[in-house]
């Protein structure tokens, strides 16, 4: 099905840029929440058992990684936005890709923050909880990774659409 000339106006680039922005904004919101929430638990643990702080900052580090996911997706989407051959369909797909990565990282950050806060406090009292804490954090981090993977697949679709129909713009 041929693409209409109307599918090549400036709004495509707007939606693509919104996808890049959404990925970065929501992923960093998740990273910030996860870091702040888990850091409260680390501070509490530092008062009770300061010798355990280095192992206790694992949730803070894992939350920070979520921001990197958003940055990666934002850079990839931004590099695909070219005014001369960018379609609205490509922009809509990029918007979905950015929201996919951003919202998944936001959810992961919330999970990491809650799990990190409670588990770090528990780790201060009982060392045996450490392995369970790491496993819970890995599963929470995986949520953000799922969004990253889906957004990369969607980016490939947007690139294909723009390559196929962008010459008609």
N, C-alpha and C. Protein backbone atom coordinates (compact mmCIF):
# COMPACT_ATOMS: atom_id res chain seq x y z
N UNK A 1 0.85 -1.18 0.00
CA UNK A 1 0.00 0.00 0.00
C UNK A 1 0.89 1.24 0.00
N UNK A 2 0.75 2.09 -0.99
CA UNK A 2 1.61 3.28 -1.06
C UNK A 2 1.29 4.27 0.05
N UNK A 3 2.31 4.98 0.43
CA UNK A 3 2.17 5.96 1.50
C UNK A 3 1.65 7.28 0.91
N UNK A 4 0.80 7.96 1.65
CA UNK A 4 0.27 9.23 1.19
C UNK A 4 1.25 10.35 1.51
N UNK A 5 1.23 11.39 0.69
CA UNK A 5 2.11 12.53 0.93
C UNK A 5 1.83 13.16 2.30
N UNK A 6 0.58 13.03 2.75
CA UNK A 6 0.21 13.61 4.04
C UNK A 6 0.92 12.90 5.20
N UNK A 7 1.46 11.70 4.95
CA UNK A 7 2.15 10.95 5.99
C UNK A 7 3.60 11.42 6.15
N UNK A 8 3.94 12.53 5.55
CA UNK A 8 5.32 13.02 5.58
C UNK A 8 5.44 14.44 6.10
N UNK A 9 4.48 14.91 6.87
CA UNK A 9 4.58 16.28 7.37
C UNK A 9 5.45 16.32 8.63
N UNK A 10 5.59 17.50 9.19
CA UNK A 10 6.51 17.71 10.31
C UNK A 10 6.08 17.03 11.60
N UNK A 11 4.81 16.62 11.68
CA UNK A 11 4.36 16.02 12.94
C UNK A 11 5.03 14.68 13.20
N UNK A 12 5.48 13.99 12.16
CA UNK A 12 6.19 12.73 12.36
C UNK A 12 7.45 12.93 13.19
N UNK A 13 8.21 13.96 12.85
CA UNK A 13 9.43 14.26 13.61
C UNK A 13 9.09 14.66 15.05
N UNK A 14 7.97 15.36 15.22
CA UNK A 14 7.54 15.73 16.57
C UNK A 14 7.28 14.48 17.41
N UNK A 15 6.53 13.52 16.86
CA UNK A 15 6.24 12.31 17.61
C UNK A 15 7.50 11.48 17.85
N UNK A 16 8.40 11.45 16.90
CA UNK A 16 9.67 10.76 17.10
C UNK A 16 10.47 11.39 18.24
N UNK A 17 10.52 12.72 18.25
CA UNK A 17 11.23 13.42 19.32
C UNK A 17 10.55 13.20 20.67
N UNK A 18 9.23 13.12 20.66
CA UNK A 18 8.50 12.83 21.91
C UNK A 18 8.83 11.42 22.41
N UNK A 19 9.05 10.49 21.49
CA UNK A 19 9.46 9.14 21.88
C UNK A 19 10.82 9.16 22.55
N UNK A 20 11.76 9.89 21.94
CA UNK A 20 13.09 9.99 22.54
C UNK A 20 13.02 10.67 23.91
N UNK A 21 12.24 11.72 23.99
CA UNK A 21 12.09 12.43 25.27
C UNK A 21 11.43 11.55 26.32
N UNK A 22 10.40 10.83 25.91
CA UNK A 22 9.68 9.97 26.85
C UNK A 22 10.58 8.89 27.42
N UNK A 23 11.39 8.30 26.56
CA UNK A 23 12.31 7.26 27.03
C UNK A 23 13.23 7.81 28.11
N UNK A 24 13.82 8.96 27.83
CA UNK A 24 14.77 9.54 28.77
C UNK A 24 14.10 10.03 30.06
N UNK A 25 12.98 10.70 29.91
CA UNK A 25 12.30 11.29 31.08
C UNK A 25 11.79 10.20 32.02
N UNK A 26 11.02 9.24 31.48
CA UNK A 26 10.43 8.23 32.36
C UNK A 26 11.47 7.28 32.93
N UNK A 27 12.49 6.94 32.14
CA UNK A 27 13.54 6.07 32.67
C UNK A 27 14.30 6.76 33.80
N UNK A 28 14.56 8.04 33.65
CA UNK A 28 15.26 8.76 34.71
C UNK A 28 14.37 8.99 35.93
N UNK A 29 13.07 9.11 35.71
CA UNK A 29 12.17 9.19 36.86
C UNK A 29 12.21 7.88 37.65
N UNK A 30 12.21 6.75 36.94
CA UNK A 30 12.31 5.47 37.61
C UNK A 30 13.64 5.31 38.32
N UNK A 31 14.72 5.72 37.66
CA UNK A 31 16.04 5.63 38.27
C UNK A 31 16.13 6.51 39.51
N UNK A 32 15.58 7.71 39.42
CA UNK A 32 15.63 8.63 40.56
C UNK A 32 14.80 8.12 41.73
N UNK A 33 13.61 7.62 41.44
CA UNK A 33 12.78 7.09 42.52
C UNK A 33 13.44 5.88 43.18
N UNK A 34 13.91 4.96 42.34
CA UNK A 34 14.55 3.76 42.88
C UNK A 34 15.77 4.09 43.71
N UNK A 35 16.57 5.04 43.22
CA UNK A 35 17.76 5.45 43.96
C UNK A 35 17.39 6.10 45.30
N UNK A 36 16.44 7.01 45.26
CA UNK A 36 16.06 7.72 46.48
C UNK A 36 15.45 6.78 47.51
N UNK A 37 14.54 5.93 47.05
CA UNK A 37 13.86 5.02 47.98
C UNK A 37 14.84 4.02 48.59
N UNK A 38 15.70 3.44 47.74
CA UNK A 38 16.67 2.46 48.26
C UNK A 38 17.72 3.13 49.14
N UNK A 39 18.08 4.36 48.82
CA UNK A 39 19.10 5.07 49.61
C UNK A 39 18.62 5.35 51.02
N UNK A 40 17.32 5.50 51.20
CA UNK A 40 16.78 5.68 52.55
C UNK A 40 17.08 4.43 53.39
N UNK A 41 16.88 3.27 52.78
CA UNK A 41 17.19 2.02 53.48
C UNK A 41 18.67 1.88 53.76
N UNK A 42 19.50 2.29 52.80
CA UNK A 42 20.95 2.21 52.99
C UNK A 42 21.39 3.14 54.13
N UNK A 43 20.82 4.32 54.19
CA UNK A 43 21.16 5.25 55.28
C UNK A 43 20.75 4.66 56.62
N UNK A 44 19.59 4.05 56.66
CA UNK A 44 19.13 3.41 57.89
C UNK A 44 20.07 2.28 58.29
N UNK A 45 20.48 1.47 57.30
CA UNK A 45 21.39 0.37 57.57
C UNK A 45 22.76 0.90 58.01
N UNK A 46 23.19 2.00 57.44
CA UNK A 46 24.50 2.57 57.79
C UNK A 46 24.59 2.98 59.24
N UNK A 47 23.48 3.36 59.82
CA UNK A 47 23.46 3.71 61.24
C UNK A 47 23.57 2.44 62.10
N UNK A 48 22.84 1.41 61.68
CA UNK A 48 22.80 0.18 62.47
C UNK A 48 24.06 -0.68 62.27
N UNK A 49 24.44 -0.89 61.01
CA UNK A 49 25.59 -1.76 60.70
C UNK A 49 26.41 -1.13 59.58
N UNK A 50 27.28 -0.20 59.89
CA UNK A 50 28.03 0.51 58.85
C UNK A 50 28.96 -0.38 58.03
N UNK A 51 29.37 -1.53 58.56
CA UNK A 51 30.27 -2.40 57.81
C UNK A 51 29.59 -3.08 56.63
N UNK A 52 28.27 -3.02 56.54
CA UNK A 52 27.53 -3.66 55.46
C UNK A 52 27.13 -2.70 54.34
N UNK A 53 27.55 -1.46 54.41
CA UNK A 53 27.09 -0.45 53.45
C UNK A 53 27.47 -0.80 52.01
N UNK A 54 28.69 -1.25 51.78
CA UNK A 54 29.13 -1.50 50.40
C UNK A 54 28.28 -2.57 49.72
N UNK A 55 27.88 -3.60 50.42
CA UNK A 55 27.00 -4.61 49.84
C UNK A 55 25.57 -4.10 49.78
N UNK A 56 25.25 -3.17 50.63
CA UNK A 56 23.89 -2.65 50.69
C UNK A 56 23.54 -1.65 49.60
N UNK A 57 24.54 -1.15 48.90
CA UNK A 57 24.23 -0.15 47.87
C UNK A 57 23.88 -0.78 46.52
N UNK A 58 23.79 -2.09 46.46
CA UNK A 58 23.43 -2.77 45.22
C UNK A 58 22.12 -2.24 44.62
N UNK A 59 21.05 -2.04 45.41
CA UNK A 59 19.82 -1.51 44.81
C UNK A 59 19.99 -0.11 44.21
N UNK A 60 20.82 0.70 44.82
CA UNK A 60 21.07 2.04 44.30
C UNK A 60 21.75 1.97 42.93
N UNK A 61 22.71 1.09 42.81
CA UNK A 61 23.41 0.91 41.53
C UNK A 61 22.47 0.37 40.47
N UNK A 62 21.65 -0.61 40.84
CA UNK A 62 20.73 -1.20 39.87
C UNK A 62 19.68 -0.20 39.42
N UNK A 63 19.26 0.68 40.30
CA UNK A 63 18.30 1.72 39.91
C UNK A 63 18.95 2.70 38.93
N UNK A 64 20.21 3.03 39.14
CA UNK A 64 20.91 3.95 38.26
C UNK A 64 21.05 3.42 36.84
N UNK A 65 21.13 2.11 36.70
CA UNK A 65 21.25 1.51 35.37
C UNK A 65 20.02 1.80 34.52
N UNK A 66 18.87 1.95 35.15
CA UNK A 66 17.64 2.21 34.40
C UNK A 66 17.72 3.51 33.60
N UNK A 67 18.37 4.50 34.15
CA UNK A 67 18.55 5.76 33.42
C UNK A 67 19.38 5.56 32.16
N UNK A 68 20.32 4.63 32.22
CA UNK A 68 21.14 4.35 31.03
C UNK A 68 20.29 3.72 29.94
N UNK A 69 19.33 2.86 30.32
CA UNK A 69 18.42 2.29 29.32
C UNK A 69 17.69 3.39 28.56
N UNK A 70 17.18 4.36 29.29
CA UNK A 70 16.47 5.46 28.65
C UNK A 70 17.37 6.29 27.76
N UNK A 71 18.60 6.51 28.21
CA UNK A 71 19.55 7.27 27.41
C UNK A 71 19.87 6.54 26.10
N UNK A 72 20.07 5.23 26.18
CA UNK A 72 20.37 4.45 24.97
C UNK A 72 19.23 4.57 23.97
N UNK A 73 18.01 4.39 24.42
CA UNK A 73 16.86 4.45 23.52
C UNK A 73 16.70 5.86 22.95
N UNK A 74 16.87 6.87 23.77
CA UNK A 74 16.73 8.25 23.30
C UNK A 74 17.76 8.57 22.22
N UNK A 75 18.99 8.12 22.40
CA UNK A 75 20.03 8.37 21.39
C UNK A 75 19.72 7.64 20.10
N UNK A 76 19.29 6.39 20.21
CA UNK A 76 18.98 5.60 19.01
C UNK A 76 17.82 6.22 18.25
N UNK A 77 16.76 6.61 18.95
CA UNK A 77 15.61 7.23 18.29
C UNK A 77 16.01 8.56 17.66
N UNK A 78 16.74 9.38 18.40
CA UNK A 78 17.14 10.69 17.89
C UNK A 78 18.00 10.58 16.64
N UNK A 79 18.83 9.56 16.59
CA UNK A 79 19.69 9.41 15.41
C UNK A 79 18.90 8.97 14.18
N UNK A 80 17.70 8.45 14.39
CA UNK A 80 16.87 8.04 13.26
C UNK A 80 15.95 9.11 12.73
N UNK A 81 15.91 10.26 13.38
CA UNK A 81 15.01 11.35 12.94
C UNK A 81 15.76 12.24 11.96
N UNK A 82 15.33 12.15 10.70
CA UNK A 82 15.89 13.00 9.64
C UNK A 82 14.73 13.67 8.92
N UNK A 83 14.71 14.96 8.87
CA UNK A 83 13.58 15.71 8.34
C UNK A 83 13.27 15.38 6.89
N UNK A 84 14.28 15.05 6.10
CA UNK A 84 14.04 14.87 4.66
C UNK A 84 13.31 13.58 4.30
N UNK A 85 13.39 12.55 5.12
CA UNK A 85 12.75 11.28 4.76
C UNK A 85 12.11 10.58 5.97
N UNK A 86 11.53 11.36 6.85
CA UNK A 86 10.94 10.81 8.07
C UNK A 86 9.43 10.82 7.95
N UNK A 87 8.81 9.67 8.11
CA UNK A 87 7.36 9.57 7.94
C UNK A 87 6.64 9.68 9.28
N UNK A 88 5.36 10.00 9.20
CA UNK A 88 4.56 10.04 10.42
C UNK A 88 4.49 8.66 11.07
N UNK A 89 4.37 7.64 10.24
CA UNK A 89 4.31 6.28 10.77
C UNK A 89 5.58 5.95 11.55
N UNK A 90 6.73 6.33 11.02
CA UNK A 90 7.98 6.13 11.74
C UNK A 90 7.99 6.89 13.05
N UNK A 91 7.42 8.09 13.05
CA UNK A 91 7.34 8.89 14.27
C UNK A 91 6.45 8.24 15.32
N UNK A 92 5.32 7.69 14.86
CA UNK A 92 4.41 7.02 15.81
C UNK A 92 5.08 5.78 16.41
N UNK A 93 5.80 5.04 15.58
CA UNK A 93 6.49 3.85 16.09
C UNK A 93 7.59 4.26 17.07
N UNK A 94 8.30 5.33 16.75
CA UNK A 94 9.33 5.81 17.68
C UNK A 94 8.73 6.30 18.99
N UNK A 95 7.55 6.91 18.92
CA UNK A 95 6.86 7.32 20.15
C UNK A 95 6.54 6.09 20.99
N UNK A 96 6.01 5.06 20.36
CA UNK A 96 5.72 3.83 21.09
C UNK A 96 6.97 3.20 21.67
N UNK A 97 8.06 3.24 20.92
CA UNK A 97 9.32 2.67 21.40
C UNK A 97 9.82 3.43 22.63
N UNK A 98 9.76 4.74 22.58
CA UNK A 98 10.21 5.54 23.72
C UNK A 98 9.34 5.34 24.95
N UNK A 99 8.03 5.27 24.73
CA UNK A 99 7.14 5.02 25.86
C UNK A 99 7.35 3.63 26.44
N UNK A 100 7.60 2.66 25.57
CA UNK A 100 7.86 1.30 26.02
C UNK A 100 9.06 1.24 26.94
N UNK A 101 10.16 1.81 26.52
CA UNK A 101 11.38 1.79 27.33
C UNK A 101 11.22 2.64 28.58
N UNK A 102 10.65 3.82 28.44
CA UNK A 102 10.51 4.74 29.56
C UNK A 102 9.59 4.23 30.66
N UNK A 103 8.42 3.76 30.26
CA UNK A 103 7.45 3.29 31.25
C UNK A 103 7.92 1.99 31.92
N UNK A 104 8.57 1.11 31.16
CA UNK A 104 9.10 -0.12 31.76
C UNK A 104 10.18 0.21 32.78
N UNK A 105 11.03 1.17 32.46
CA UNK A 105 12.08 1.57 33.41
C UNK A 105 11.48 2.28 34.62
N UNK A 106 10.42 3.03 34.43
CA UNK A 106 9.75 3.67 35.55
C UNK A 106 9.19 2.61 36.51
N UNK A 107 8.53 1.60 35.95
CA UNK A 107 7.98 0.53 36.78
C UNK A 107 9.10 -0.23 37.48
N UNK A 108 10.18 -0.50 36.75
CA UNK A 108 11.31 -1.21 37.35
C UNK A 108 11.93 -0.39 38.48
N UNK A 109 12.04 0.92 38.28
CA UNK A 109 12.60 1.78 39.32
C UNK A 109 11.75 1.80 40.58
N UNK A 110 10.44 1.78 40.39
CA UNK A 110 9.56 1.74 41.55
C UNK A 110 9.73 0.42 42.30
N UNK A 111 9.82 -0.67 41.55
CA UNK A 111 9.99 -1.98 42.18
C UNK A 111 11.35 -2.07 42.89
N UNK A 112 12.39 -1.60 42.23
CA UNK A 112 13.73 -1.64 42.83
C UNK A 112 13.77 -0.79 44.10
N UNK A 113 13.12 0.36 44.07
CA UNK A 113 13.11 1.22 45.25
C UNK A 113 12.45 0.57 46.44
N UNK A 114 11.28 -0.02 46.21
CA UNK A 114 10.54 -0.64 47.31
C UNK A 114 11.27 -1.88 47.83
N UNK A 115 11.69 -2.75 46.90
CA UNK A 115 12.42 -3.95 47.29
C UNK A 115 13.75 -3.58 47.95
N UNK A 116 14.45 -2.62 47.34
CA UNK A 116 15.75 -2.23 47.88
C UNK A 116 15.65 -1.67 49.28
N UNK A 117 14.68 -0.80 49.51
CA UNK A 117 14.52 -0.20 50.84
C UNK A 117 14.25 -1.27 51.89
N UNK A 118 13.27 -2.11 51.64
CA UNK A 118 12.91 -3.10 52.65
C UNK A 118 13.98 -4.17 52.83
N UNK A 119 14.58 -4.61 51.73
CA UNK A 119 15.58 -5.68 51.84
C UNK A 119 16.90 -5.20 52.45
N UNK A 120 17.27 -3.97 52.17
CA UNK A 120 18.51 -3.46 52.78
C UNK A 120 18.33 -3.32 54.29
N UNK A 121 17.16 -2.90 54.70
CA UNK A 121 16.89 -2.83 56.15
C UNK A 121 16.92 -4.22 56.78
N UNK A 122 16.37 -5.18 56.06
CA UNK A 122 16.38 -6.56 56.56
C UNK A 122 17.80 -7.12 56.57
N UNK A 123 18.58 -6.77 55.56
CA UNK A 123 19.97 -7.24 55.48
C UNK A 123 20.79 -6.70 56.65
N UNK A 124 20.45 -5.52 57.13
CA UNK A 124 21.16 -4.96 58.28
C UNK A 124 21.00 -5.85 59.51
N UNK A 125 19.86 -6.55 59.57
CA UNK A 125 19.59 -7.40 60.74
C UNK A 125 19.93 -8.87 60.51
N UNK A 126 19.88 -9.30 59.24
CA UNK A 126 20.07 -10.72 58.93
C UNK A 126 20.81 -10.86 57.60
N UNK A 127 22.03 -11.36 57.64
CA UNK A 127 22.85 -11.46 56.43
C UNK A 127 22.30 -12.46 55.42
N UNK A 128 21.55 -13.44 55.85
CA UNK A 128 21.05 -14.47 54.95
C UNK A 128 20.06 -13.93 53.91
N UNK A 129 19.55 -12.75 54.10
CA UNK A 129 18.59 -12.16 53.16
C UNK A 129 19.27 -11.62 51.90
N UNK A 130 20.60 -11.51 51.91
CA UNK A 130 21.31 -10.86 50.80
C UNK A 130 21.06 -11.53 49.46
N UNK A 131 21.14 -12.84 49.38
CA UNK A 131 20.95 -13.54 48.11
C UNK A 131 19.51 -13.36 47.62
N UNK A 132 18.56 -13.46 48.52
CA UNK A 132 17.15 -13.24 48.15
C UNK A 132 16.94 -11.81 47.66
N UNK A 133 17.59 -10.86 48.30
CA UNK A 133 17.49 -9.46 47.87
C UNK A 133 18.01 -9.31 46.44
N UNK A 134 19.16 -9.89 46.15
CA UNK A 134 19.74 -9.79 44.81
C UNK A 134 18.80 -10.40 43.77
N UNK A 135 18.22 -11.56 44.08
CA UNK A 135 17.29 -12.20 43.14
C UNK A 135 16.06 -11.33 42.88
N UNK A 136 15.50 -10.74 43.92
CA UNK A 136 14.34 -9.86 43.73
C UNK A 136 14.71 -8.64 42.91
N UNK A 137 15.88 -8.09 43.16
CA UNK A 137 16.33 -6.92 42.40
C UNK A 137 16.58 -7.27 40.93
N UNK A 138 17.10 -8.45 40.66
CA UNK A 138 17.33 -8.87 39.28
C UNK A 138 16.00 -8.96 38.53
N UNK A 139 15.00 -9.55 39.18
CA UNK A 139 13.69 -9.65 38.51
C UNK A 139 13.05 -8.28 38.31
N UNK A 140 13.25 -7.39 39.24
CA UNK A 140 12.73 -6.03 39.07
C UNK A 140 13.47 -5.30 37.94
N UNK A 141 14.78 -5.47 37.87
CA UNK A 141 15.58 -4.84 36.81
C UNK A 141 15.20 -5.40 35.44
N UNK A 142 14.82 -6.66 35.41
CA UNK A 142 14.43 -7.29 34.14
C UNK A 142 13.25 -6.59 33.50
N UNK A 143 12.38 -6.00 34.29
CA UNK A 143 11.24 -5.26 33.73
C UNK A 143 11.72 -4.13 32.82
N UNK A 144 12.72 -3.40 33.27
CA UNK A 144 13.29 -2.34 32.45
C UNK A 144 13.98 -2.88 31.22
N UNK A 145 14.63 -4.01 31.35
CA UNK A 145 15.31 -4.64 30.22
C UNK A 145 14.31 -5.09 29.17
N UNK A 146 13.15 -5.58 29.60
CA UNK A 146 12.11 -5.98 28.64
C UNK A 146 11.67 -4.78 27.80
N UNK A 147 11.47 -3.65 28.44
CA UNK A 147 11.08 -2.44 27.71
C UNK A 147 12.16 -2.00 26.74
N UNK A 148 13.42 -2.11 27.15
CA UNK A 148 14.53 -1.77 26.26
C UNK A 148 14.53 -2.67 25.03
N UNK A 149 14.36 -3.96 25.22
CA UNK A 149 14.35 -4.90 24.10
C UNK A 149 13.21 -4.60 23.13
N UNK A 150 12.02 -4.37 23.66
CA UNK A 150 10.87 -4.07 22.80
C UNK A 150 11.09 -2.77 22.05
N UNK A 151 11.66 -1.78 22.71
CA UNK A 151 11.88 -0.50 22.02
C UNK A 151 12.91 -0.63 20.91
N UNK A 152 13.92 -1.49 21.10
CA UNK A 152 14.90 -1.72 20.03
C UNK A 152 14.26 -2.42 18.84
N UNK A 153 13.37 -3.36 19.11
CA UNK A 153 12.64 -4.03 18.03
C UNK A 153 11.76 -3.03 17.30
N UNK A 154 11.07 -2.17 18.05
CA UNK A 154 10.21 -1.16 17.43
C UNK A 154 11.04 -0.16 16.63
N UNK A 155 12.21 0.18 17.12
CA UNK A 155 13.08 1.09 16.37
C UNK A 155 13.45 0.49 15.02
N UNK A 156 13.72 -0.81 14.99
CA UNK A 156 14.00 -1.47 13.71
C UNK A 156 12.81 -1.36 12.76
N UNK A 157 11.60 -1.48 13.29
CA UNK A 157 10.40 -1.34 12.46
C UNK A 157 10.29 0.08 11.92
N UNK A 158 10.55 1.06 12.76
CA UNK A 158 10.48 2.45 12.30
C UNK A 158 11.53 2.73 11.24
N UNK A 159 12.72 2.17 11.40
CA UNK A 159 13.79 2.34 10.41
C UNK A 159 13.38 1.73 9.08
N UNK A 160 12.75 0.56 9.13
CA UNK A 160 12.29 -0.10 7.92
C UNK A 160 11.22 0.72 7.21
N UNK A 161 10.26 1.23 7.97
CA UNK A 161 9.19 2.06 7.39
C UNK A 161 9.78 3.31 6.75
N UNK A 162 10.69 3.97 7.46
CA UNK A 162 11.27 5.20 6.93
C UNK A 162 12.12 4.92 5.71
N UNK A 163 12.82 3.80 5.68
CA UNK A 163 13.65 3.46 4.51
C UNK A 163 12.77 3.14 3.30
N UNK A 164 11.67 2.47 3.56
CA UNK A 164 10.79 2.04 2.46
C UNK A 164 9.97 3.19 1.89
N UNK A 165 9.42 4.02 2.76
CA UNK A 165 8.52 5.08 2.31
C UNK A 165 9.09 6.49 2.40
N UNK A 166 10.23 6.65 3.04
CA UNK A 166 10.81 7.99 3.21
C UNK A 166 11.18 8.66 1.90
N UNK A 167 11.54 7.88 0.90
CA UNK A 167 11.90 8.48 -0.40
C UNK A 167 10.72 9.16 -1.06
N UNK A 168 9.50 8.81 -0.67
CA UNK A 168 8.29 9.42 -1.24
C UNK A 168 7.97 10.76 -0.61
N UNK A 169 8.67 11.09 0.44
CA UNK A 169 8.36 12.35 1.15
C UNK A 169 8.87 13.57 0.39
